[in-house]
Full PDB file with SEQRES, HELIX, SHEET, SSBOND, CRYST1, ORIGX, SCALE, CONECT and MASTER records, all heavy atoms in Angstrom:
SEQRES   1 A   43  ALA PRO SER ALA HIS ALA LEU HIS PRO LEU ARG PHE PHE          
SEQRES   2 A   43  ALA SER THR GLY ARG VAL ASP GLY ILE ALA PRO GLY VAL          
SEQRES   3 A   43  TYR ALA PHE ALA PRO ASP ALA LYS ASP MET ARG LEU HIS          
SEQRES   4 A   43  ILE ASP ARG ASP                                              
HELIX    1 AA1 ALA A    4  ALA A    6  5                                   3    
SHEET    1 AA1 3 PHE A  13  THR A  16  0                                        
SHEET    2 AA1 3 GLY A  25  ALA A  30 -1                                        
SHEET    3 AA1 3 ASP A  35  ILE A  40 -1                                        
CRYST1    1.000    1.000    1.000  90.00  90.00  90.00 P 1           1          
ORIGX1      1.000000  0.000000  0.000000        0.00000                         
ORIGX2      0.000000  1.000000  0.000000        0.00000                         
ORIGX3      0.000000  0.000000  1.000000        0.00000                         
SCALE1      1.000000  0.000000  0.000000        0.00000                         
SCALE2      0.000000  1.000000  0.000000        0.00000                         
SCALE3      0.000000  0.000000  1.000000        0.00000                         
ATOM      1  N   ALA A   1      14.274  -3.742  36.567  1.00  0.00           N  
ATOM      2  CA  ALA A   1      15.709  -3.606  36.851  1.00  0.00           C  
ATOM      3  C   ALA A   1      16.339  -4.993  36.743  1.00  0.00           C  
ATOM      4  O   ALA A   1      15.726  -5.986  37.132  1.00  0.00           O  
ATOM      5  CB  ALA A   1      15.950  -3.029  38.245  1.00  0.00           C  
ATOM      6  N   PRO A   2      17.558  -5.075  36.215  1.00  0.00           N  
ATOM      7  CA  PRO A   2      18.200  -6.380  36.060  1.00  0.00           C  
ATOM      8  C   PRO A   2      18.581  -6.981  37.409  1.00  0.00           C  
ATOM      9  O   PRO A   2      18.777  -6.270  38.394  1.00  0.00           O  
ATOM     10  CB  PRO A   2      19.452  -6.052  35.242  1.00  0.00           C  
ATOM     11  CG  PRO A   2      19.742  -4.628  35.563  1.00  0.00           C  
ATOM     12  CD  PRO A   2      18.414  -3.970  35.777  1.00  0.00           C  
ATOM     13  N   SER A   3      18.690  -8.311  37.426  1.00  0.00           N  
ATOM     14  CA  SER A   3      19.083  -9.025  38.638  1.00  0.00           C  
ATOM     15  C   SER A   3      19.990 -10.194  38.246  1.00  0.00           C  
ATOM     16  O   SER A   3      19.597 -11.032  37.436  1.00  0.00           O  
ATOM     17  CB  SER A   3      17.846  -9.551  39.368  1.00  0.00           C  
ATOM     18  OG  SER A   3      18.221 -10.199  40.564  1.00  0.00           O  
ATOM     19  N   ALA A   4      21.187 -10.230  38.835  1.00  0.00           N  
ATOM     20  CA  ALA A   4      22.123 -11.320  38.542  1.00  0.00           C  
ATOM     21  C   ALA A   4      21.484 -12.666  38.897  1.00  0.00           C  
ATOM     22  O   ALA A   4      20.945 -12.841  39.993  1.00  0.00           O  
ATOM     23  CB  ALA A   4      23.413 -11.124  39.333  1.00  0.00           C  
ATOM     24  N   HIS A   5      21.510 -13.593  37.943  1.00  0.00           N  
ATOM     25  CA  HIS A   5      20.904 -14.923  38.081  1.00  0.00           C  
ATOM     26  C   HIS A   5      19.421 -14.847  38.406  1.00  0.00           C  
ATOM     27  O   HIS A   5      18.867 -15.798  38.958  1.00  0.00           O  
ATOM     28  CB  HIS A   5      21.613 -15.742  39.159  1.00  0.00           C  
ATOM     29  CG  HIS A   5      22.983 -16.185  38.755  1.00  0.00           C  
ATOM     30  ND1 HIS A   5      23.589 -17.272  39.304  1.00  0.00           N  
ATOM     31  CD2 HIS A   5      23.885 -15.692  37.883  1.00  0.00           C  
ATOM     32  CE1 HIS A   5      24.800 -17.431  38.797  1.00  0.00           C  
ATOM     33  NE2 HIS A   5      24.994 -16.467  37.919  1.00  0.00           N  
ATOM     34  N   ALA A   6      18.774 -13.722  38.110  1.00  0.00           N  
ATOM     35  CA  ALA A   6      17.353 -13.506  38.424  1.00  0.00           C  
ATOM     36  C   ALA A   6      17.061 -13.821  39.888  1.00  0.00           C  
ATOM     37  O   ALA A   6      16.017 -14.344  40.240  1.00  0.00           O  
ATOM     38  CB  ALA A   6      16.457 -14.334  37.499  1.00  0.00           C  
ATOM     39  N   LEU A   7      18.007 -13.468  40.745  1.00  0.00           N  
ATOM     40  CA  LEU A   7      17.877 -13.726  42.179  1.00  0.00           C  
ATOM     41  C   LEU A   7      16.847 -12.803  42.832  1.00  0.00           C  
ATOM     42  O   LEU A   7      16.151 -13.199  43.761  1.00  0.00           O  
ATOM     43  CB  LEU A   7      19.248 -13.550  42.849  1.00  0.00           C  
ATOM     44  CG  LEU A   7      19.381 -13.938  44.291  1.00  0.00           C  
ATOM     45  CD1 LEU A   7      19.069 -15.415  44.492  1.00  0.00           C  
ATOM     46  CD2 LEU A   7      20.783 -13.626  44.789  1.00  0.00           C  
ATOM     47  N   HIS A   8      16.764 -11.572  42.389  1.00  0.00           N  
ATOM     48  CA  HIS A   8      15.830 -10.568  42.910  1.00  0.00           C  
ATOM     49  C   HIS A   8      15.905 -10.440  44.433  1.00  0.00           C  
ATOM     50  O   HIS A   8      14.903 -10.645  45.124  1.00  0.00           O  
ATOM     51  CB  HIS A   8      14.391 -10.863  42.473  1.00  0.00           C  
ATOM     52  CG  HIS A   8      14.228 -10.999  41.002  1.00  0.00           C  
ATOM     53  ND1 HIS A   8      14.426  -9.945  40.121  1.00  0.00           N  
ATOM     54  CD2 HIS A   8      13.903 -12.072  40.232  1.00  0.00           C  
ATOM     55  CE1 HIS A   8      14.225 -10.369  38.896  1.00  0.00           C  
ATOM     56  NE2 HIS A   8      13.915 -11.640  38.927  1.00  0.00           N  
ATOM     57  N   PRO A   9      17.067 -10.049  44.973  1.00  0.00           N  
ATOM     58  CA  PRO A   9      17.212  -9.940  46.429  1.00  0.00           C  
ATOM     59  C   PRO A   9      16.661  -8.638  47.019  1.00  0.00           C  
ATOM     60  O   PRO A   9      16.604  -8.505  48.241  1.00  0.00           O  
ATOM     61  CB  PRO A   9      18.730  -9.992  46.611  1.00  0.00           C  
ATOM     62  CG  PRO A   9      19.251  -9.312  45.384  1.00  0.00           C  
ATOM     63  CD  PRO A   9      18.316  -9.769  44.280  1.00  0.00           C  
ATOM     64  N   LEU A  10      16.247  -7.699  46.175  1.00  0.00           N  
ATOM     65  CA  LEU A  10      15.815  -6.405  46.692  1.00  0.00           C  
ATOM     66  C   LEU A  10      14.400  -6.469  47.256  1.00  0.00           C  
ATOM     67  O   LEU A  10      13.553  -7.211  46.768  1.00  0.00           O  
ATOM     68  CB  LEU A  10      15.869  -5.334  45.599  1.00  0.00           C  
ATOM     69  CG  LEU A  10      17.240  -5.071  44.971  1.00  0.00           C  
ATOM     70  CD1 LEU A  10      17.147  -3.917  43.979  1.00  0.00           C  
ATOM     71  CD2 LEU A  10      18.302  -4.799  46.020  1.00  0.00           C  
ATOM     72  N   ARG A  11      14.188  -5.644  48.299  1.00  0.00           N  
ATOM     73  CA  ARG A  11      12.876  -5.472  48.917  1.00  0.00           C  
ATOM     74  C   ARG A  11      12.624  -3.972  48.979  1.00  0.00           C  
ATOM     75  O   ARG A  11      13.529  -3.197  49.251  1.00  0.00           O  
ATOM     76  CB  ARG A  11      12.841  -6.054  50.330  1.00  0.00           C  
ATOM     77  CG  ARG A  11      13.285  -7.509  50.434  1.00  0.00           C  
ATOM     78  CD  ARG A  11      12.307  -8.468  49.767  1.00  0.00           C  
ATOM     79  NE  ARG A  11      12.756  -9.844  49.880  1.00  0.00           N  
ATOM     80  CZ  ARG A  11      13.422 -10.503  48.939  1.00  0.00           C  
ATOM     81  NH1 ARG A  11      13.742  -9.905  47.805  1.00  0.00           N  
ATOM     82  NH2 ARG A  11      13.775 -11.758  49.113  1.00  0.00           N  
ATOM     83  N   PHE A  12      11.386  -3.567  48.755  1.00  0.00           N  
ATOM     84  CA  PHE A  12      11.033  -2.153  48.684  1.00  0.00           C  
ATOM     85  C   PHE A  12       9.969  -1.814  49.716  1.00  0.00           C  
ATOM     86  O   PHE A  12       8.974  -2.536  49.840  1.00  0.00           O  
ATOM     87  CB  PHE A  12      10.526  -1.803  47.281  1.00  0.00           C  
ATOM     88  CG  PHE A  12      11.604  -1.887  46.244  1.00  0.00           C  
ATOM     89  CD1 PHE A  12      12.015  -3.111  45.742  1.00  0.00           C  
ATOM     90  CD2 PHE A  12      12.232  -0.736  45.800  1.00  0.00           C  
ATOM     91  CE1 PHE A  12      13.030  -3.198  44.809  1.00  0.00           C  
ATOM     92  CE2 PHE A  12      13.247  -0.805  44.865  1.00  0.00           C  
ATOM     93  CZ  PHE A  12      13.652  -2.038  44.375  1.00  0.00           C  
ATOM     94  N   PHE A  13      10.206  -0.714  50.427  1.00  0.00           N  
ATOM     95  CA  PHE A  13       9.280  -0.234  51.438  1.00  0.00           C  
ATOM     96  C   PHE A  13       9.023   1.248  51.188  1.00  0.00           C  
ATOM     97  O   PHE A  13       9.974   2.023  51.066  1.00  0.00           O  
ATOM     98  CB  PHE A  13       9.852  -0.443  52.839  1.00  0.00           C  
ATOM     99  CG  PHE A  13      10.055  -1.887  53.174  1.00  0.00           C  
ATOM    100  CD1 PHE A  13      11.252  -2.523  52.869  1.00  0.00           C  
ATOM    101  CD2 PHE A  13       9.043  -2.623  53.763  1.00  0.00           C  
ATOM    102  CE1 PHE A  13      11.443  -3.866  53.153  1.00  0.00           C  
ATOM    103  CE2 PHE A  13       9.218  -3.970  54.048  1.00  0.00           C  
ATOM    104  CZ  PHE A  13      10.419  -4.593  53.749  1.00  0.00           C  
ATOM    105  N   ALA A  14       7.749   1.633  51.109  1.00  0.00           N  
ATOM    106  CA  ALA A  14       7.373   3.035  50.926  1.00  0.00           C  
ATOM    107  C   ALA A  14       6.920   3.585  52.265  1.00  0.00           C  
ATOM    108  O   ALA A  14       5.922   3.110  52.833  1.00  0.00           O  
ATOM    109  CB  ALA A  14       6.267   3.158  49.890  1.00  0.00           C  
ATOM    110  N   SER A  15       7.667   4.556  52.782  1.00  0.00           N  
ATOM    111  CA  SER A  15       7.296   5.244  54.017  1.00  0.00           C  
ATOM    112  C   SER A  15       6.538   6.497  53.613  1.00  0.00           C  
ATOM    113  O   SER A  15       7.117   7.421  53.036  1.00  0.00           O  
ATOM    114  CB  SER A  15       8.541   5.603  54.825  1.00  0.00           C  
ATOM    115  OG  SER A  15       9.247   4.437  55.189  1.00  0.00           O  
ATOM    116  N   THR A  16       5.247   6.518  53.894  1.00  0.00           N  
ATOM    117  CA  THR A  16       4.394   7.612  53.435  1.00  0.00           C  
ATOM    118  C   THR A  16       4.076   8.567  54.573  1.00  0.00           C  
ATOM    119  O   THR A  16       3.980   8.166  55.735  1.00  0.00           O  
ATOM    120  CB  THR A  16       3.089   7.066  52.835  1.00  0.00           C  
ATOM    121  OG1 THR A  16       2.367   6.363  53.850  1.00  0.00           O  
ATOM    122  CG2 THR A  16       3.376   6.129  51.670  1.00  0.00           C  
ATOM    123  N   GLY A  17       3.920   9.825  54.201  1.00  0.00           N  
ATOM    124  CA  GLY A  17       3.527  10.847  55.157  1.00  0.00           C  
ATOM    125  C   GLY A  17       2.505  11.772  54.548  1.00  0.00           C  
ATOM    126  O   GLY A  17       1.429  11.977  55.087  1.00  0.00           O  
ATOM    127  N   ARG A  18       2.853  12.303  53.387  1.00  0.00           N  
ATOM    128  CA  ARG A  18       1.952  13.201  52.651  1.00  0.00           C  
ATOM    129  C   ARG A  18       1.635  12.575  51.299  1.00  0.00           C  
ATOM    130  O   ARG A  18       2.120  13.013  50.264  1.00  0.00           O  
ATOM    131  CB  ARG A  18       2.588  14.585  52.505  1.00  0.00           C  
ATOM    132  CG  ARG A  18       2.679  15.357  53.817  1.00  0.00           C  
ATOM    133  CD  ARG A  18       3.120  16.804  53.637  1.00  0.00           C  
ATOM    134  NE  ARG A  18       4.098  17.031  52.589  1.00  0.00           N  
ATOM    135  CZ  ARG A  18       5.429  16.891  52.735  1.00  0.00           C  
ATOM    136  NH1 ARG A  18       5.932  16.512  53.884  1.00  0.00           N  
ATOM    137  NH2 ARG A  18       6.237  17.149  51.726  1.00  0.00           N  
ATOM    138  N   VAL A  19       0.811  11.540  51.339  1.00  0.00           N  
ATOM    139  CA  VAL A  19       0.404  10.842  50.119  1.00  0.00           C  
ATOM    140  C   VAL A  19      -1.120  10.735  50.125  1.00  0.00           C  
ATOM    141  O   VAL A  19      -1.703  10.147  51.043  1.00  0.00           O  
ATOM    142  CB  VAL A  19       1.048   9.438  50.024  1.00  0.00           C  
ATOM    143  CG1 VAL A  19       0.533   8.691  48.806  1.00  0.00           C  
ATOM    144  CG2 VAL A  19       2.565   9.542  50.000  1.00  0.00           C  
ATOM    145  N   ASP A  20      -1.752  11.355  49.123  1.00  0.00           N  
ATOM    146  CA  ASP A  20      -3.215  11.291  48.993  1.00  0.00           C  
ATOM    147  C   ASP A  20      -3.640   9.868  48.633  1.00  0.00           C  
ATOM    148  O   ASP A  20      -3.082   9.255  47.725  1.00  0.00           O  
ATOM    149  CB  ASP A  20      -3.702  12.233  47.884  1.00  0.00           C  
ATOM    150  CG  ASP A  20      -3.791  13.674  48.338  1.00  0.00           C  
ATOM    151  OD1 ASP A  20      -3.843  13.922  49.563  1.00  0.00           O  
ATOM    152  OD2 ASP A  20      -3.808  14.559  47.462  1.00  0.00           O  
ATOM    153  N   GLY A  21      -4.627   9.359  49.366  1.00  0.00           N  
ATOM    154  CA  GLY A  21      -5.195   8.056  49.044  1.00  0.00           C  
ATOM    155  C   GLY A  21      -4.638   6.915  49.866  1.00  0.00           C  
ATOM    156  O   GLY A  21      -5.028   5.769  49.661  1.00  0.00           O  
ATOM    157  N   ILE A  22      -3.759   7.231  50.815  1.00  0.00           N  
ATOM    158  CA  ILE A  22      -3.188   6.173  51.659  1.00  0.00           C  
ATOM    159  C   ILE A  22      -2.786   6.794  53.001  1.00  0.00           C  
ATOM    160  O   ILE A  22      -2.322   7.930  53.054  1.00  0.00           O  
ATOM    161  CB  ILE A  22      -1.996   5.486  50.955  1.00  0.00           C  
ATOM    162  CG1 ILE A  22      -1.646   4.174  51.619  1.00  0.00           C  
ATOM    163  CG2 ILE A  22      -0.796   6.404  50.870  1.00  0.00           C  
ATOM    164  CD1 ILE A  22      -0.732   3.290  50.783  1.00  0.00           C  
ATOM    165  N   ALA A  23      -2.988   6.052  54.065  1.00  0.00           N  
ATOM    166  CA  ALA A  23      -2.657   6.544  55.403  1.00  0.00           C  
ATOM    167  C   ALA A  23      -1.145   6.563  55.607  1.00  0.00           C  
ATOM    168  O   ALA A  23      -0.423   5.751  55.003  1.00  0.00           O  
ATOM    169  CB  ALA A  23      -3.303   5.645  56.456  1.00  0.00           C  
ATOM    170  N   PRO A  24      -0.651   7.474  56.443  1.00  0.00           N  
ATOM    171  CA  PRO A  24       0.783   7.455  56.767  1.00  0.00           C  
ATOM    172  C   PRO A  24       1.175   6.094  57.344  1.00  0.00           C  
ATOM    173  O   PRO A  24       0.436   5.504  58.125  1.00  0.00           O  
ATOM    174  CB  PRO A  24       0.930   8.560  57.814  1.00  0.00           C  
ATOM    175  CG  PRO A  24      -0.205   9.495  57.529  1.00  0.00           C  
ATOM    176  CD  PRO A  24      -1.332   8.590  57.100  1.00  0.00           C  
ATOM    177  N   GLY A  25       2.328   5.618  56.913  1.00  0.00           N  
ATOM    178  CA  GLY A  25       2.821   4.332  57.388  1.00  0.00           C  
ATOM    179  C   GLY A  25       3.920   3.835  56.483  1.00  0.00           C  
ATOM    180  O   GLY A  25       4.430   4.566  55.628  1.00  0.00           O  
ATOM    181  N   VAL A  26       4.289   2.582  56.682  1.00  0.00           N  
ATOM    182  CA  VAL A  26       5.287   1.932  55.840  1.00  0.00           C  
ATOM    183  C   VAL A  26       4.595   0.778  55.131  1.00  0.00           C  
ATOM    184  O   VAL A  26       3.929  -0.050  55.773  1.00  0.00           O  
ATOM    185  CB  VAL A  26       6.491   1.416  56.656  1.00  0.00           C  
ATOM    186  CG1 VAL A  26       7.503   0.726  55.759  1.00  0.00           C  
ATOM    187  CG2 VAL A  26       7.142   2.559  57.432  1.00  0.00           C  
ATOM    188  N   TYR A  27       4.767   0.738  53.817  1.00  0.00           N  
ATOM    189  CA  TYR A  27       4.117  -0.260  52.987  1.00  0.00           C  
ATOM    190  C   TYR A  27       5.163  -1.075  52.247  1.00  0.00           C  
ATOM    191  O   TYR A  27       6.087  -0.527  51.655  1.00  0.00           O  
ATOM    192  CB  TYR A  27       3.180   0.416  51.981  1.00  0.00           C  
ATOM    193  CG  TYR A  27       2.031   1.129  52.659  1.00  0.00           C  
ATOM    194  CD1 TYR A  27       2.198   2.425  53.155  1.00  0.00           C  
ATOM    195  CD2 TYR A  27       0.818   0.494  52.837  1.00  0.00           C  
ATOM    196  CE1 TYR A  27       1.157   3.073  53.806  1.00  0.00           C  
ATOM    197  CE2 TYR A  27      -0.237   1.145  53.487  1.00  0.00           C  
ATOM    198  CZ  TYR A  27      -0.042   2.430  53.972  1.00  0.00           C  
ATOM    199  OH  TYR A  27      -1.078   3.062  54.619  1.00  0.00           O  
ATOM    200  N   ALA A  28       5.018  -2.406  52.291  1.00  0.00           N  
ATOM    201  CA  ALA A  28       5.899  -3.305  51.548  1.00  0.00           C  
ATOM    202  C   ALA A  28       5.339  -3.459  50.142  1.00  0.00           C  
ATOM    203  O   ALA A  28       4.124  -3.618  49.957  1.00  0.00           O  
ATOM    204  CB  ALA A  28       5.977  -4.658  52.239  1.00  0.00           C  
ATOM    205  N   PHE A  29       6.224  -3.377  49.153  1.00  0.00           N  
ATOM    206  CA  PHE A  29       5.832  -3.493  47.753  1.00  0.00           C  
ATOM    207  C   PHE A  29       6.024  -4.924  47.291  1.00  0.00           C  
ATOM    208  O   PHE A  29       7.099  -5.509  47.461  1.00  0.00           O  
ATOM    209  CB  PHE A  29       6.672  -2.548  46.895  1.00  0.00           C  
ATOM    210  CG  PHE A  29       6.448  -2.684  45.414  1.00  0.00           C  
ATOM    211  CD1 PHE A  29       5.210  -2.426  44.851  1.00  0.00           C  
ATOM    212  CD2 PHE A  29       7.488  -3.048  44.578  1.00  0.00           C  
ATOM    213  CE1 PHE A  29       4.998  -2.539  43.481  1.00  0.00           C  
ATOM    214  CE2 PHE A  29       7.299  -3.161  43.204  1.00  0.00           C  
ATOM    215  CZ  PHE A  29       6.051  -2.908  42.659  1.00  0.00           C  
ATOM    216  N   ALA A  30       4.987  -5.505  46.695  1.00  0.00           N  
ATOM    217  CA  ALA A  30       5.049  -6.844  46.111  1.00  0.00           C  
ATOM    218  C   ALA A  30       5.125  -6.691  44.596  1.00  0.00           C  
ATOM    219  O   ALA A  30       4.108  -6.415  43.953  1.00  0.00           O  
ATOM    220  CB  ALA A  30       3.833  -7.662  46.514  1.00  0.00           C  
ATOM    221  N   PRO A  31       6.330  -6.826  43.994  1.00  0.00           N  
ATOM    222  CA  PRO A  31       6.486  -6.569  42.556  1.00  0.00           C  
ATOM    223  C   PRO A  31       5.586  -7.412  41.663  1.00  0.00           C  
ATOM    224  O   PRO A  31       5.050  -6.911  40.685  1.00  0.00           O  
ATOM    225  CB  PRO A  31       7.954  -6.891  42.285  1.00  0.00           C  
ATOM    226  CG  PRO A  31       8.626  -6.818  43.599  1.00  0.00           C  
ATOM    227  CD  PRO A  31       7.588  -7.195  44.615  1.00  0.00           C  
ATOM    228  N   ASP A  32       5.400  -8.674  42.001  1.00  0.00           N  
ATOM    229  CA  ASP A  32       4.595  -9.542  41.146  1.00  0.00           C  
ATOM    230  C   ASP A  32       3.113  -9.183  41.210  1.00  0.00           C  
ATOM    231  O   ASP A  32       2.405  -9.252  40.218  1.00  0.00           O  
ATOM    232  CB  ASP A  32       4.807 -11.009  41.514  1.00  0.00           C  
ATOM    233  CG  ASP A  32       6.233 -11.456  41.242  1.00  0.00           C  
ATOM    234  OD1 ASP A  32       6.856 -10.927  40.297  1.00  0.00           O  
ATOM    235  OD2 ASP A  32       6.743 -12.312  41.980  1.00  0.00           O  
ATOM    236  N   ALA A  33       2.653  -8.792  42.384  1.00  0.00           N  
ATOM    237  CA  ALA A  33       1.245  -8.437  42.559  1.00  0.00           C  
ATOM    238  C   ALA A  33       0.984  -6.977  42.220  1.00  0.00           C  
ATOM    239  O   ALA A  33      -0.166  -6.570  42.085  1.00  0.00           O  
ATOM    240  CB  ALA A  33       0.814  -8.717  43.994  1.00  0.00           C  
ATOM    241  N   LYS A  34       2.048  -6.193  42.099  1.00  0.00           N  
ATOM    242  CA  LYS A  34       1.945  -4.761  41.807  1.00  0.00           C  
ATOM    243  C   LYS A  34       1.133  -4.026  42.870  1.00  0.00           C  
ATOM    244  O   LYS A  34       0.370  -3.119  42.572  1.00  0.00           O  
ATOM    245  CB  LYS A  34       1.347  -4.518  40.426  1.00  0.00           C  
ATOM    246  CG  LYS A  34       2.161  -5.097  39.295  1.00  0.00           C  
ATOM    247  CD  LYS A  34       1.529  -4.840  37.956  1.00  0.00           C  
ATOM    248  CE  LYS A  34       2.351  -5.495  36.862  1.00  0.00           C  
ATOM    249  NZ  LYS A  34       1.711  -5.462  35.580  1.00  0.00           N  
ATOM    250  N   ASP A  35       1.272  -4.455  44.126  1.00  0.00           N  
ATOM    251  CA  ASP A  35       0.537  -3.780  45.185  1.00  0.00           C  
ATOM    252  C   ASP A  35       1.424  -3.536  46.400  1.00  0.00           C  
ATOM    253  O   ASP A  35       2.564  -3.968  46.445  1.00  0.00           O  
ATOM    254  CB  ASP A  35      -0.719  -4.569  45.570  1.00  0.00           C  
ATOM    255  CG  ASP A  35      -0.418  -5.870  46.294  1.00  0.00           C  
ATOM    256  OD1 ASP A  35       0.756  -6.257  46.399  1.00  0.00           O  
ATOM    257  OD2 ASP A  35      -1.372  -6.508  46.766  1.00  0.00           O  
ATOM    258  N   MET A  36       0.853  -2.803  47.352  1.00  0.00           N  
ATOM    259  CA  MET A  36       1.544  -2.495  48.593  1.00  0.00           C  
ATOM    260  C   MET A  36       0.697  -3.024  49.744  1.00  0.00           C  
ATOM    261  O   MET A  36      -0.524  -2.916  49.723  1.00  0.00           O  
ATOM    262  CB  MET A  36       1.714  -0.975  48.755  1.00  0.00           C  
ATOM    263  CG  MET A  36       2.508  -0.315  47.655  1.00  0.00           C  
ATOM    264  SD  MET A  36       2.840   1.454  47.928  1.00  0.00           S  
ATOM    265  CE  MET A  36       1.258   2.130  48.355  1.00  0.00           C  
ATOM    266  N   ARG A  37       1.370  -3.588  50.745  1.00  0.00           N  
ATOM    267  CA  ARG A  37       0.638  -4.027  51.939  1.00  0.00           C  
ATOM    268  C   ARG A  37       1.225  -3.307  53.144  1.00  0.00           C  
ATOM    269  O   ARG A  37       2.426  -3.045  53.208  1.00  0.00           O  
ATOM    270  CB  ARG A  37       0.692  -5.539  52.108  1.00  0.00           C  
ATOM    271  CG  ARG A  37       2.064  -6.093  52.361  1.00  0.00           C  
ATOM    272  CD  ARG A  37       2.042  -7.605  52.646  1.00  0.00           C  
ATOM    273  NE  ARG A  37       3.381  -8.117  52.662  1.00  0.00           N  
ATOM    274  CZ  ARG A  37       4.284  -7.875  53.611  1.00  0.00           C  
ATOM    275  NH1 ARG A  37       3.987  -7.120  54.631  1.00  0.00           N  
ATOM    276  NH2 ARG A  37       5.507  -8.376  53.541  1.00  0.00           N  
ATOM    277  N   LEU A  38       0.362  -2.983  54.091  1.00  0.00           N  
ATOM    278  CA  LEU A  38       0.780  -2.253  55.279  1.00  0.00           C  
ATOM    279  C   LEU A  38       1.791  -3.073  56.076  1.00  0.00           C  
ATOM    280  O   LEU A  38       1.541  -4.240  56.391  1.00  0.00           O  
ATOM    281  CB  LEU A  38      -0.430  -1.894  56.138  1.00  0.00           C  
ATOM    282  CG  LEU A  38      -0.151  -1.015  57.345  1.00  0.00           C  
ATOM    283  CD1 LEU A  38       0.393   0.351  56.917  1.00  0.00           C  
ATOM    284  CD2 LEU A  38      -1.414  -0.856  58.179  1.00  0.00           C  
ATOM    285  N   HIS A  39       2.916  -2.455  56.389  1.00  0.00           N  
ATOM    286  CA  HIS A  39       3.992  -3.091  57.153  1.00  0.00           C  
ATOM    287  C   HIS A  39       4.106  -2.462  58.546  1.00  0.00           C  
ATOM    288  O   HIS A  39       4.299  -3.156  59.524  1.00  0.00           O  
ATOM    289  CB  HIS A  39       5.303  -2.944  56.359  1.00  0.00           C  
ATOM    290  CG  HIS A  39       6.507  -3.513  56.986  1.00  0.00           C  
ATOM    291  ND1 HIS A  39       6.681  -4.866  57.181  1.00  0.00           N  
ATOM    292  CD2 HIS A  39       7.627  -2.922  57.483  1.00  0.00           C  
ATOM    293  CE1 HIS A  39       7.858  -5.082  57.755  1.00  0.00           C  
ATOM    294  NE2 HIS A  39       8.439  -3.917  57.956  1.00  0.00           N  
ATOM    295  N   ILE A  40       3.975  -1.142  58.619  1.00  0.00           N  
ATOM    296  CA  ILE A  40       3.991  -0.389  59.882  1.00  0.00           C  
ATOM    297  C   ILE A  40       2.897   0.667  59.778  1.00  0.00           C  
ATOM    298  O   ILE A  40       2.825   1.398  58.793  1.00  0.00           O  
ATOM    299  CB  ILE A  40       5.362   0.289  60.123  1.00  0.00           C  
ATOM    300  CG1 ILE A  40       6.474  -0.760  60.200  1.00  0.00           C  
ATOM    301  CG2 ILE A  40       5.329   1.142  61.383  1.00  0.00           C  
ATOM    302  CD1 ILE A  40       7.880  -0.156  60.244  1.00  0.00           C  
ATOM    303  N   ASP A  41       2.058   0.773  60.791  1.00  0.00           N  
ATOM    304  CA  ASP A  41       0.895   1.663  60.691  1.00  0.00           C  
ATOM    305  C   ASP A  41       1.114   3.049  61.291  1.00  0.00           C  
ATOM    306  O   ASP A  41       0.204   3.633  61.865  1.00  0.00           O  
ATOM    307  CB  ASP A  41      -0.333   1.003  61.323  1.00  0.00           C  
ATOM    308  CG  ASP A  41      -0.201   0.807  62.823  1.00  0.00           C  
ATOM    309  OD1 ASP A  41       0.882   1.077  63.376  1.00  0.00           O  
ATOM    310  OD2 ASP A  41      -1.199   0.386  63.439  1.00  0.00           O  
ATOM    311  N   ARG A  42       2.316   3.597  61.126  1.00  0.00           N  
ATOM    312  CA  ARG A  42       2.583   4.961  61.566  1.00  0.00           C  
ATOM    313  C   ARG A  42       3.634   5.591  60.672  1.00  0.00           C  
ATOM    314  O   ARG A  42       4.391   4.900  60.011  1.00  0.00           O  
ATOM    315  CB  ARG A  42       2.999   5.011  63.020  1.00  0.00           C  
ATOM    316  CG  ARG A  42       4.303   4.335  63.337  1.00  0.00           C  
ATOM    317  CD  ARG A  42       4.640   4.368  64.804  1.00  0.00           C  
ATOM    318  NE  ARG A  42       5.731   3.614  65.331  1.00  0.00           N  
ATOM    319  CZ  ARG A  42       6.721   3.002  64.721  1.00  0.00           C  
ATOM    320  NH1 ARG A  42       6.813   3.026  63.441  1.00  0.00           N  
ATOM    321  NH2 ARG A  42       7.650   2.354  65.354  1.00  0.00           N  
ATOM    322  N   ASP A  43       3.677   6.909  60.688  1.00  0.00           N  
ATOM    323  CA  ASP A  43       4.643   7.677  59.907  1.00  0.00           C  
ATOM    324  C   ASP A  43       6.022   7.542  60.562  1.00  0.00           C  
ATOM    325  O   ASP A  43       6.187   7.871  61.734  1.00  0.00           O  
ATOM    326  CB  ASP A  43       4.197   9.142  59.877  1.00  0.00           C  
ATOM    327  CG  ASP A  43       5.020  10.011  58.957  1.00  0.00           C  
ATOM    328  OD1 ASP A  43       6.085   9.578  58.481  1.00  0.00           O  
ATOM    329  OD2 ASP A  43       4.590  11.154  58.719  1.00  0.00           O  
TER     330      ASP A  43                                                      
MASTER        0    0    0    1    3    0    0    6  329    1    0    4          
END                                                                             
């Protein structure tokens, strides 16, 4: 997605509940690493 001045101010969090392969919780997305890290360990 485009970003004015390549500032990239957006942050993404996936709140999971019914997702196979990952526990319910909130995961922060790291675009450069292409991974998710646990942010909150509950649905």
